[in-house]
Amino acid sequence: MVETRSFQDLATATSFDTTGELFAIGMSAARRGDPRMAEMARSELARRAGPGAPGGTGHRALDVAVMEKELAALLAVTAGRGQEAVARMQEAVVLERQLPPPLGLPRPIKPASELCGEILLELGRPREAAAAFERALQRAPNRSLALLGLARASAPAGDCASARGHYRRFLANWSRADPELPELKEARRERATQ
């Protein structure tokens, strides 16, 4: 759900078995406009990241702390508090930098710099968003959603040539994906018009 952004898929989910599931439920709730459920997930993540919590030290605790900040940012942006959302994401990015780069799946489940870029783009700040996506790609080179975000941020920031290149790289990554996916249609359309 976090990767596909199929937020409706978790509309009725309430299981908080793992921190990844908890984050996905919270992100889904925030994006669907259910602040009560999103806050419940954020609060539980904060509890699980705190001192004395199971797995409350080391990299696991940092993962959970990053996810808690990300949910706080999503709640803030949904409530129209853009500056607060950016501040929470900056805190998440600082925490994420203390983690080793992921070997495989993203860690935490939604890379902080990538989500920061997405939020900045939502707030109409494409230059800052592009910088955030660049940081995300330094941590996870060639990551598809960071490339897509960078392409989306580059054109409004005035760099159409870069946008075309990022869309091209994204399309190469997803060359075997379902051609009807909205992201692929967008990338093909935008690459052709820029």
N, C-alpha and C. Protein backbone atom coordinates (compact mmCIF):
# COMPACT_ATOMS: atom_id res chain seq x y z
N MET A 1 0.82 -1.18 0.00
CA MET A 1 0.00 0.00 0.00
C MET A 1 0.87 1.25 0.00
N VAL A 2 1.96 1.24 0.76
CA VAL A 2 2.81 2.43 0.83
C VAL A 2 3.43 2.69 -0.54
N GLU A 3 3.85 1.64 -1.22
CA GLU A 3 4.47 1.79 -2.54
C GLU A 3 3.44 2.11 -3.62
N THR A 4 2.28 1.48 -3.56
CA THR A 4 1.28 1.66 -4.62
C THR A 4 0.36 2.83 -4.37
N ARG A 5 0.36 3.34 -3.15
CA ARG A 5 -0.51 4.43 -2.75
C ARG A 5 -1.99 4.08 -2.96
N SER A 6 -2.32 2.81 -2.76
CA SER A 6 -3.71 2.32 -2.84
C SER A 6 -4.34 2.49 -1.46
N PHE A 7 -4.58 3.72 -1.09
CA PHE A 7 -4.98 4.02 0.28
C PHE A 7 -6.32 3.43 0.67
N GLN A 8 -7.21 3.23 -0.27
CA GLN A 8 -8.51 2.64 0.04
C GLN A 8 -8.38 1.18 0.48
N ASP A 9 -7.29 0.51 0.08
CA ASP A 9 -7.11 -0.90 0.43
C ASP A 9 -7.09 -1.14 1.93
N LEU A 10 -6.70 -0.14 2.70
CA LEU A 10 -6.61 -0.30 4.15
C LEU A 10 -7.71 0.47 4.89
N ALA A 11 -8.76 0.81 4.19
CA ALA A 11 -9.81 1.64 4.80
C ALA A 11 -10.44 1.00 6.03
N THR A 12 -10.50 -0.33 6.07
CA THR A 12 -11.13 -0.99 7.22
C THR A 12 -10.12 -1.72 8.10
N ALA A 13 -8.83 -1.60 7.79
CA ALA A 13 -7.81 -2.31 8.57
C ALA A 13 -7.62 -1.66 9.93
N THR A 14 -7.50 -2.49 10.95
CA THR A 14 -7.25 -1.99 12.30
C THR A 14 -6.17 -2.80 13.00
N SER A 15 -5.58 -3.76 12.32
CA SER A 15 -4.55 -4.61 12.92
C SER A 15 -3.24 -3.84 13.03
N PHE A 16 -2.69 -3.82 14.24
CA PHE A 16 -1.43 -3.12 14.47
C PHE A 16 -0.33 -4.12 14.83
N ASP A 17 -0.27 -5.25 14.14
CA ASP A 17 0.67 -6.31 14.51
C ASP A 17 2.14 -5.89 14.38
N THR A 18 2.50 -5.25 13.28
CA THR A 18 3.88 -4.84 13.08
C THR A 18 3.93 -3.33 12.89
N THR A 19 5.11 -2.76 13.08
CA THR A 19 5.23 -1.31 12.89
C THR A 19 5.03 -0.94 11.43
N GLY A 20 5.43 -1.81 10.50
CA GLY A 20 5.19 -1.54 9.09
C GLY A 20 3.71 -1.47 8.77
N GLU A 21 2.95 -2.44 9.30
CA GLU A 21 1.49 -2.42 9.10
C GLU A 21 0.88 -1.19 9.76
N LEU A 22 1.35 -0.88 10.94
CA LEU A 22 0.84 0.28 11.67
C LEU A 22 1.07 1.56 10.88
N PHE A 23 2.28 1.70 10.32
CA PHE A 23 2.57 2.88 9.51
C PHE A 23 1.68 2.92 8.27
N ALA A 24 1.54 1.77 7.60
CA ALA A 24 0.71 1.73 6.38
C ALA A 24 -0.73 2.11 6.69
N ILE A 25 -1.26 1.61 7.81
CA ILE A 25 -2.63 1.96 8.20
C ILE A 25 -2.72 3.46 8.49
N GLY A 26 -1.72 4.00 9.19
CA GLY A 26 -1.72 5.44 9.50
C GLY A 26 -1.59 6.30 8.27
N MET A 27 -0.71 5.91 7.34
CA MET A 27 -0.53 6.68 6.11
C MET A 27 -1.81 6.63 5.28
N SER A 28 -2.38 5.44 5.19
CA SER A 28 -3.64 5.29 4.45
C SER A 28 -4.72 6.17 5.05
N ALA A 29 -4.83 6.15 6.37
CA ALA A 29 -5.85 6.96 7.05
C ALA A 29 -5.63 8.45 6.80
N ALA A 30 -4.38 8.90 6.90
CA ALA A 30 -4.09 10.32 6.68
C ALA A 30 -4.45 10.72 5.26
N ARG A 31 -4.09 9.90 4.29
CA ARG A 31 -4.34 10.23 2.89
C ARG A 31 -5.82 10.12 2.52
N ARG A 32 -6.58 9.34 3.28
CA ARG A 32 -8.02 9.21 3.03
C ARG A 32 -8.82 10.25 3.81
N GLY A 33 -8.15 11.03 4.65
CA GLY A 33 -8.86 12.04 5.43
C GLY A 33 -9.50 11.50 6.70
N ASP A 34 -8.85 10.50 7.32
CA ASP A 34 -9.34 9.93 8.58
C ASP A 34 -8.31 10.25 9.67
N PRO A 35 -8.31 11.50 10.18
CA PRO A 35 -7.28 11.89 11.14
C PRO A 35 -7.33 11.11 12.45
N ARG A 36 -8.50 10.66 12.85
CA ARG A 36 -8.60 9.90 14.11
C ARG A 36 -7.78 8.61 14.02
N MET A 37 -7.95 7.85 12.95
CA MET A 37 -7.20 6.60 12.78
C MET A 37 -5.71 6.89 12.57
N ALA A 38 -5.39 7.92 11.81
CA ALA A 38 -3.99 8.28 11.57
C ALA A 38 -3.31 8.66 12.88
N GLU A 39 -4.00 9.43 13.72
CA GLU A 39 -3.43 9.83 15.02
C GLU A 39 -3.28 8.63 15.93
N MET A 40 -4.21 7.70 15.89
CA MET A 40 -4.08 6.49 16.71
C MET A 40 -2.82 5.71 16.30
N ALA A 41 -2.59 5.60 15.00
CA ALA A 41 -1.40 4.90 14.52
C ALA A 41 -0.14 5.66 14.91
N ARG A 42 -0.14 6.99 14.76
CA ARG A 42 1.02 7.80 15.13
C ARG A 42 1.34 7.66 16.61
N SER A 43 0.31 7.72 17.42
CA SER A 43 0.48 7.60 18.87
C SER A 43 1.07 6.24 19.25
N GLU A 44 0.58 5.20 18.61
CA GLU A 44 1.10 3.86 18.89
C GLU A 44 2.56 3.73 18.43
N LEU A 45 2.90 4.33 17.30
CA LEU A 45 4.30 4.33 16.86
C LEU A 45 5.18 5.07 17.86
N ALA A 46 4.70 6.20 18.37
CA ALA A 46 5.46 6.95 19.37
C ALA A 46 5.69 6.10 20.61
N ARG A 47 4.67 5.36 21.02
CA ARG A 47 4.81 4.48 22.19
C ARG A 47 5.84 3.39 21.91
N ARG A 48 5.80 2.82 20.72
CA ARG A 48 6.73 1.73 20.37
C ARG A 48 8.15 2.22 20.17
N ALA A 49 8.33 3.49 19.89
CA ALA A 49 9.68 4.04 19.71
C ALA A 49 10.29 4.52 21.01
N GLY A 50 9.48 4.65 22.03
CA GLY A 50 9.93 5.24 23.29
C GLY A 50 10.85 4.34 24.08
N PRO A 51 11.51 4.92 25.09
CA PRO A 51 12.40 4.15 25.95
C PRO A 51 11.63 3.04 26.66
N GLY A 52 12.24 1.88 26.73
CA GLY A 52 11.61 0.75 27.40
C GLY A 52 10.67 -0.04 26.53
N ALA A 53 10.39 0.46 25.32
CA ALA A 53 9.51 -0.28 24.41
C ALA A 53 10.27 -1.46 23.82
N PRO A 54 9.56 -2.54 23.46
CA PRO A 54 10.24 -3.66 22.80
C PRO A 54 10.90 -3.15 21.52
N GLY A 55 12.18 -3.43 21.37
CA GLY A 55 12.91 -2.93 20.21
C GLY A 55 13.11 -1.43 20.27
N GLY A 56 13.09 -0.85 21.48
CA GLY A 56 13.15 0.59 21.63
C GLY A 56 14.55 1.18 21.58
N THR A 57 15.52 0.44 21.10
CA THR A 57 16.88 0.97 20.98
C THR A 57 17.42 0.62 19.59
N GLY A 58 18.49 1.29 19.22
CA GLY A 58 19.18 0.97 17.97
C GLY A 58 18.40 1.35 16.72
N HIS A 59 18.75 0.65 15.63
CA HIS A 59 18.18 0.97 14.33
C HIS A 59 16.67 0.77 14.28
N ARG A 60 16.19 -0.26 14.95
CA ARG A 60 14.74 -0.50 14.94
C ARG A 60 14.00 0.69 15.56
N ALA A 61 14.51 1.20 16.66
CA ALA A 61 13.87 2.35 17.30
C ALA A 61 13.91 3.58 16.38
N LEU A 62 15.03 3.75 15.66
CA LEU A 62 15.11 4.87 14.72
C LEU A 62 14.10 4.72 13.59
N ASP A 63 13.97 3.49 13.06
CA ASP A 63 12.95 3.23 12.03
C ASP A 63 11.58 3.68 12.50
N VAL A 64 11.23 3.25 13.70
CA VAL A 64 9.90 3.56 14.25
C VAL A 64 9.76 5.06 14.50
N ALA A 65 10.81 5.69 15.00
CA ALA A 65 10.77 7.14 15.25
C ALA A 65 10.59 7.91 13.94
N VAL A 66 11.26 7.47 12.88
CA VAL A 66 11.09 8.12 11.57
C VAL A 66 9.64 7.99 11.12
N MET A 67 9.09 6.78 11.22
CA MET A 67 7.70 6.57 10.79
C MET A 67 6.72 7.42 11.60
N GLU A 68 6.99 7.59 12.89
CA GLU A 68 6.12 8.42 13.73
C GLU A 68 6.16 9.87 13.24
N LYS A 69 7.36 10.38 12.95
CA LYS A 69 7.49 11.76 12.44
C LYS A 69 6.78 11.91 11.09
N GLU A 70 6.90 10.87 10.24
CA GLU A 70 6.25 10.92 8.93
C GLU A 70 4.72 11.00 9.08
N LEU A 71 4.17 10.20 9.99
CA LEU A 71 2.71 10.28 10.20
C LEU A 71 2.32 11.64 10.78
N ALA A 72 3.14 12.18 11.68
CA ALA A 72 2.85 13.52 12.21
C ALA A 72 2.83 14.55 11.08
N ALA A 73 3.76 14.41 10.14
CA ALA A 73 3.81 15.33 8.99
C ALA A 73 2.58 15.17 8.10
N LEU A 74 2.19 13.92 7.85
CA LEU A 74 1.00 13.69 7.02
C LEU A 74 -0.25 14.25 7.68
N LEU A 75 -0.36 14.08 8.99
CA LEU A 75 -1.50 14.66 9.71
C LEU A 75 -1.49 16.18 9.59
N ALA A 76 -0.31 16.78 9.71
CA ALA A 76 -0.21 18.24 9.63
C ALA A 76 -0.58 18.75 8.23
N VAL A 77 -0.06 18.11 7.20
CA VAL A 77 -0.35 18.58 5.84
C VAL A 77 -1.83 18.41 5.52
N THR A 78 -2.43 17.32 5.99
CA THR A 78 -3.86 17.09 5.77
C THR A 78 -4.70 18.16 6.46
N ALA A 79 -4.21 18.65 7.60
CA ALA A 79 -4.93 19.68 8.36
C ALA A 79 -4.61 21.09 7.88
N GLY A 80 -3.79 21.20 6.82
CA GLY A 80 -3.47 22.51 6.28
C GLY A 80 -2.34 23.22 7.00
N ARG A 81 -1.56 22.48 7.78
CA ARG A 81 -0.44 23.07 8.51
C ARG A 81 0.87 22.68 7.81
N GLY A 82 1.10 23.30 6.65
CA GLY A 82 2.23 22.95 5.80
C GLY A 82 3.59 23.13 6.45
N GLN A 83 3.78 24.26 7.13
CA GLN A 83 5.09 24.50 7.77
C GLN A 83 5.39 23.44 8.82
N GLU A 84 4.39 23.09 9.59
CA GLU A 84 4.56 22.05 10.61
C GLU A 84 4.90 20.71 9.93
N ALA A 85 4.24 20.42 8.83
CA ALA A 85 4.51 19.17 8.10
C ALA A 85 5.96 19.12 7.65
N VAL A 86 6.44 20.23 7.10
CA VAL A 86 7.83 20.28 6.62
C VAL A 86 8.79 20.14 7.80
N ALA A 87 8.49 20.77 8.91
CA ALA A 87 9.36 20.67 10.10
C ALA A 87 9.43 19.22 10.59
N ARG A 88 8.29 18.53 10.64
CA ARG A 88 8.29 17.12 11.08
C ARG A 88 9.09 16.26 10.09
N MET A 89 8.96 16.56 8.79
CA MET A 89 9.70 15.77 7.80
C MET A 89 11.20 16.04 7.90
N GLN A 90 11.58 17.26 8.19
CA GLN A 90 13.01 17.55 8.37
C GLN A 90 13.56 16.77 9.56
N GLU A 91 12.78 16.66 10.61
CA GLU A 91 13.19 15.84 11.76
C GLU A 91 13.33 14.37 11.35
N ALA A 92 12.39 13.88 10.56
CA ALA A 92 12.44 12.49 10.10
C ALA A 92 13.67 12.24 9.24
N VAL A 93 14.01 13.20 8.37
CA VAL A 93 15.18 13.06 7.50
C VAL A 93 16.46 12.99 8.34
N VAL A 94 16.56 13.83 9.36
CA VAL A 94 17.74 13.81 10.24
C VAL A 94 17.86 12.44 10.92
N LEU A 95 16.76 11.91 11.42
CA LEU A 95 16.79 10.58 12.05
C LEU A 95 17.17 9.50 11.05
N GLU A 96 16.60 9.58 9.85
CA GLU A 96 16.87 8.56 8.83
C GLU A 96 18.35 8.52 8.45
N ARG A 97 19.01 9.66 8.46
CA ARG A 97 20.44 9.71 8.11
C ARG A 97 21.30 8.92 9.09
N GLN A 98 20.77 8.64 10.27
CA GLN A 98 21.51 7.85 11.25
C GLN A 98 21.43 6.35 10.97
N LEU A 99 20.56 5.97 10.05
CA LEU A 99 20.39 4.56 9.69
C LEU A 99 21.32 4.19 8.55
N PRO A 100 21.76 2.94 8.49
CA PRO A 100 22.54 2.52 7.32
C PRO A 100 21.64 2.50 6.09
N PRO A 101 22.21 2.67 4.90
CA PRO A 101 21.38 2.58 3.69
C PRO A 101 20.73 1.21 3.61
N PRO A 102 19.52 1.14 3.08
CA PRO A 102 18.83 -0.15 3.01
C PRO A 102 19.49 -1.09 2.00
N LEU A 103 19.43 -2.36 2.31
CA LEU A 103 19.89 -3.39 1.38
C LEU A 103 18.66 -4.13 0.90
N GLY A 104 18.00 -3.61 -0.08
CA GLY A 104 16.76 -4.21 -0.56
C GLY A 104 15.59 -3.27 -0.33
N LEU A 105 14.60 -3.75 0.41
CA LEU A 105 13.41 -2.94 0.67
C LEU A 105 13.76 -1.68 1.43
N PRO A 106 12.99 -0.61 1.24
CA PRO A 106 13.29 0.63 1.95
C PRO A 106 13.19 0.46 3.45
N ARG A 107 14.02 1.23 4.12
CA ARG A 107 14.04 1.21 5.58
C ARG A 107 14.27 2.62 6.06
N PRO A 108 13.30 3.23 6.69
CA PRO A 108 11.97 2.75 7.05
C PRO A 108 11.12 2.49 5.81
N ILE A 109 9.91 2.02 6.04
CA ILE A 109 9.05 1.54 4.96
C ILE A 109 8.79 2.61 3.89
N LYS A 110 8.75 3.88 4.27
CA LYS A 110 8.65 4.99 3.32
C LYS A 110 9.83 5.91 3.58
N PRO A 111 10.79 5.98 2.63
CA PRO A 111 11.97 6.82 2.85
C PRO A 111 11.59 8.27 3.17
N ALA A 112 12.21 8.80 4.21
CA ALA A 112 11.84 10.13 4.70
C ALA A 112 12.09 11.23 3.68
N SER A 113 13.23 11.20 3.00
CA SER A 113 13.50 12.25 2.01
C SER A 113 12.49 12.20 0.87
N GLU A 114 12.08 10.99 0.50
CA GLU A 114 11.08 10.84 -0.56
C GLU A 114 9.73 11.42 -0.14
N LEU A 115 9.28 11.08 1.06
CA LEU A 115 8.01 11.63 1.54
C LEU A 115 8.11 13.14 1.73
N CYS A 116 9.26 13.61 2.17
CA CYS A 116 9.47 15.06 2.31
C CYS A 116 9.29 15.73 0.95
N GLY A 117 9.89 15.14 -0.09
CA GLY A 117 9.73 15.68 -1.44
C GLY A 117 8.28 15.68 -1.88
N GLU A 118 7.56 14.61 -1.60
CA GLU A 118 6.15 14.53 -1.98
C GLU A 118 5.33 15.62 -1.29
N ILE A 119 5.61 15.83 -0.01
CA ILE A 119 4.87 16.86 0.73
C ILE A 119 5.23 18.25 0.21
N LEU A 120 6.51 18.50 -0.03
CA LEU A 120 6.91 19.80 -0.57
C LEU A 120 6.27 20.05 -1.93
N LEU A 121 6.17 19.02 -2.74
CA LEU A 121 5.51 19.16 -4.04
C LEU A 121 4.02 19.49 -3.86
N GLU A 122 3.37 18.81 -2.92
CA GLU A 122 1.96 19.11 -2.62
C GLU A 122 1.79 20.57 -2.18
N LEU A 123 2.80 21.09 -1.48
CA LEU A 123 2.73 22.46 -0.96
C LEU A 123 3.15 23.50 -2.00
N GLY A 124 3.44 23.05 -3.23
CA GLY A 124 3.81 23.98 -4.29
C GLY A 124 5.23 24.51 -4.18
N ARG A 125 6.13 23.69 -3.66
CA ARG A 125 7.53 24.09 -3.48
C ARG A 125 8.44 23.14 -4.26
N PRO A 126 8.38 23.21 -5.62
CA PRO A 126 9.07 22.21 -6.44
C PRO A 126 10.59 22.22 -6.33
N ARG A 127 11.21 23.37 -6.15
CA ARG A 127 12.68 23.38 -6.04
C ARG A 127 13.14 22.64 -4.79
N GLU A 128 12.48 22.91 -3.68
CA GLU A 128 12.81 22.20 -2.44
C GLU A 128 12.48 20.72 -2.57
N ALA A 129 11.38 20.42 -3.24
CA ALA A 129 11.00 19.02 -3.45
C ALA A 129 12.06 18.30 -4.27
N ALA A 130 12.56 18.95 -5.32
CA ALA A 130 13.59 18.33 -6.15
C ALA A 130 14.83 18.01 -5.32
N ALA A 131 15.23 18.92 -4.44
CA ALA A 131 16.39 18.68 -3.58
C ALA A 131 16.14 17.49 -2.66
N ALA A 132 14.92 17.37 -2.13
CA ALA A 132 14.59 16.24 -1.26
C ALA A 132 14.64 14.92 -2.03
N PHE A 133 14.12 14.91 -3.25
CA PHE A 133 14.17 13.68 -4.06
C PHE A 133 15.61 13.32 -4.42
N GLU A 134 16.45 14.33 -4.67
CA GLU A 134 17.88 14.06 -4.93
C GLU A 134 18.51 13.37 -3.73
N ARG A 135 18.19 13.86 -2.52
CA ARG A 135 18.72 13.22 -1.30
C ARG A 135 18.21 11.78 -1.19
N ALA A 136 16.96 11.57 -1.53
CA ALA A 136 16.39 10.21 -1.48
C ALA A 136 17.14 9.29 -2.43
N LEU A 137 17.49 9.81 -3.60
CA LEU A 137 18.20 8.99 -4.59
C LEU A 137 19.66 8.75 -4.19
N GLN A 138 20.24 9.63 -3.40
CA GLN A 138 21.58 9.36 -2.88
C GLN A 138 21.55 8.18 -1.93
N ARG A 139 20.50 8.07 -1.17
CA ARG A 139 20.37 6.98 -0.20
C ARG A 139 19.93 5.68 -0.87
N ALA A 140 19.07 5.77 -1.86
CA ALA A 140 18.55 4.59 -2.57
C ALA A 140 18.59 4.88 -4.07
N PRO A 141 19.78 4.72 -4.69
CA PRO A 141 19.94 5.07 -6.11
C PRO A 141 18.91 4.36 -7.01
N ASN A 142 18.39 5.12 -7.94
CA ASN A 142 17.48 4.61 -8.97
C ASN A 142 16.13 4.13 -8.42
N ARG A 143 15.78 4.53 -7.21
CA ARG A 143 14.48 4.14 -6.64
C ARG A 143 13.36 4.79 -7.46
N SER A 144 12.44 3.97 -7.92
CA SER A 144 11.42 4.42 -8.87
C SER A 144 10.57 5.58 -8.37
N LEU A 145 10.05 5.49 -7.15
CA LEU A 145 9.17 6.57 -6.68
C LEU A 145 9.93 7.87 -6.45
N ALA A 146 11.21 7.79 -6.10
CA ALA A 146 12.01 9.01 -5.97
C ALA A 146 12.29 9.60 -7.35
N LEU A 147 12.53 8.75 -8.35
CA LEU A 147 12.71 9.25 -9.72
C LEU A 147 11.45 9.92 -10.23
N LEU A 148 10.31 9.29 -9.98
CA LEU A 148 9.04 9.87 -10.41
C LEU A 148 8.81 11.21 -9.72
N GLY A 149 9.08 11.28 -8.43
CA GLY A 149 8.93 12.53 -7.71
C GLY A 149 9.87 13.61 -8.23
N LEU A 150 11.11 13.22 -8.52
CA LEU A 150 12.08 14.19 -9.05
C LEU A 150 11.64 14.69 -10.42
N ALA A 151 11.10 13.80 -11.24
CA ALA A 151 10.59 14.23 -12.55
C ALA A 151 9.44 15.21 -12.36
N ARG A 152 8.53 14.90 -11.45
CA ARG A 152 7.38 15.77 -11.19
C ARG A 152 7.81 17.13 -10.66
N ALA A 153 8.89 17.17 -9.90
CA ALA A 153 9.36 18.43 -9.32
C ALA A 153 10.22 19.23 -10.29
N SER A 154 10.92 18.56 -11.19
CA SER A 154 11.87 19.24 -12.08
C SER A 154 11.19 20.18 -13.06
N ALA A 155 10.10 19.75 -13.68
CA ALA A 155 9.44 20.60 -14.69
C ALA A 155 8.93 21.91 -14.10
N PRO A 156 8.15 21.88 -12.99
CA PRO A 156 7.70 23.17 -12.44
C PRO A 156 8.85 24.00 -11.87
N ALA A 157 9.96 23.35 -11.57
CA ALA A 157 11.13 24.10 -11.09
C ALA A 157 11.90 24.70 -12.26
N GLY A 158 11.43 24.44 -13.50
CA GLY A 158 12.03 25.05 -14.68
C GLY A 158 13.08 24.21 -15.38
N ASP A 159 13.19 22.94 -15.05
CA ASP A 159 14.21 22.08 -15.64
C ASP A 159 13.55 20.93 -16.42
N CYS A 160 12.99 21.28 -17.58
CA CYS A 160 12.25 20.30 -18.38
C CYS A 160 13.16 19.19 -18.92
N ALA A 161 14.40 19.52 -19.25
CA ALA A 161 15.32 18.49 -19.77
C ALA A 161 15.57 17.43 -18.70
N SER A 162 15.79 17.87 -17.47
CA SER A 162 15.98 16.90 -16.38
C SER A 162 14.72 16.10 -16.15
N ALA A 163 13.57 16.75 -16.20
CA ALA A 163 12.31 16.04 -16.00
C ALA A 163 12.18 14.91 -17.01
N ARG A 164 12.47 15.19 -18.29
CA ARG A 164 12.41 14.14 -19.32
C ARG A 164 13.33 12.98 -18.97
N GLY A 165 14.55 13.30 -18.55
CA GLY A 165 15.52 12.26 -18.20
C GLY A 165 15.06 11.42 -17.01
N HIS A 166 14.49 12.05 -16.02
CA HIS A 166 14.00 11.30 -14.84
C HIS A 166 12.80 10.44 -15.21
N TYR A 167 11.91 10.98 -16.05
CA TYR A 167 10.79 10.16 -16.52
C TYR A 167 11.32 8.97 -17.32
N ARG A 168 12.34 9.18 -18.15
CA ARG A 168 12.92 8.09 -18.94
C ARG A 168 13.46 7.00 -18.03
N ARG A 169 14.19 7.39 -16.99
CA ARG A 169 14.74 6.40 -16.04
C ARG A 169 13.62 5.67 -15.31
N PHE A 170 12.59 6.41 -14.92
CA PHE A 170 11.44 5.78 -14.26
C PHE A 170 10.80 4.75 -15.20
N LEU A 171 10.58 5.13 -16.45
CA LEU A 171 9.97 4.21 -17.42
C LEU A 171 10.83 2.98 -17.63
N ALA A 172 12.15 3.15 -17.63
CA ALA A 172 13.04 1.98 -17.76
C ALA A 172 12.87 1.05 -16.57
N ASN A 173 12.78 1.61 -15.38
CA ASN A 173 12.58 0.78 -14.18
C ASN A 173 11.27 0.00 -14.25
N TRP A 174 10.25 0.62 -14.77
CA TRP A 174 8.91 0.01 -14.79
C TRP A 174 8.56 -0.54 -16.17
N SER A 175 9.56 -0.91 -16.95
CA SER A 175 9.32 -1.34 -18.33
C SER A 175 8.44 -2.59 -18.43
N ARG A 176 8.40 -3.40 -17.40
CA ARG A 176 7.58 -4.62 -17.42
C ARG A 176 6.31 -4.49 -16.59
N ALA A 177 6.03 -3.31 -16.12
CA ALA A 177 4.84 -3.09 -15.29
C ALA A 177 3.59 -3.00 -16.18
N ASP A 178 2.45 -3.12 -15.55
CA ASP A 178 1.17 -2.99 -16.23
C ASP A 178 1.12 -1.63 -16.93
N PRO A 179 1.01 -1.59 -18.25
CA PRO A 179 1.04 -0.32 -18.98
C PRO A 179 -0.13 0.61 -18.65
N GLU A 180 -1.14 0.09 -17.98
CA GLU A 180 -2.30 0.92 -17.63
C GLU A 180 -2.14 1.63 -16.29
N LEU A 181 -1.03 1.40 -15.60
CA LEU A 181 -0.82 2.09 -14.32
C LEU A 181 -0.78 3.60 -14.54
N PRO A 182 -1.45 4.36 -13.70
CA PRO A 182 -1.49 5.82 -13.88
C PRO A 182 -0.11 6.46 -13.93
N GLU A 183 0.83 5.94 -13.13
CA GLU A 183 2.18 6.52 -13.11
C GLU A 183 2.86 6.35 -14.46
N LEU A 184 2.66 5.20 -15.11
CA LEU A 184 3.26 4.98 -16.43
C LEU A 184 2.63 5.87 -17.48
N LYS A 185 1.32 5.99 -17.43
CA LYS A 185 0.64 6.88 -18.38
C LYS A 185 1.13 8.32 -18.21
N GLU A 186 1.25 8.75 -16.96
CA GLU A 186 1.74 10.10 -16.68
C GLU A 186 3.15 10.29 -17.22
N ALA A 187 4.04 9.34 -16.93
CA ALA A 187 5.44 9.46 -17.35
C ALA A 187 5.55 9.52 -18.87
N ARG A 188 4.81 8.67 -19.56
CA ARG A 188 4.85 8.69 -21.03
C ARG A 188 4.33 10.02 -21.57
N ARG A 189 3.22 10.47 -21.03
CA ARG A 189 2.61 11.73 -21.48
C ARG A 189 3.55 12.91 -21.21
N GLU A 190 4.07 12.99 -20.01
CA GLU A 190 4.93 14.12 -19.64
C GLU A 190 6.24 14.11 -20.40
N ARG A 191 6.80 12.93 -20.61
CA ARG A 191 8.06 12.85 -21.35
C ARG A 191 7.86 13.32 -22.79
N ALA A 192 6.70 13.01 -23.35
CA ALA A 192 6.41 13.40 -24.73
C ALA A 192 6.15 14.90 -24.88
N THR A 193 5.63 15.54 -23.84
CA THR A 193 5.25 16.96 -23.96
C THR A 193 6.34 17.92 -23.53
N GLN A 194 7.39 17.43 -22.92
CA GLN A 194 8.42 18.36 -22.41
C GLN A 194 9.57 18.51 -23.36
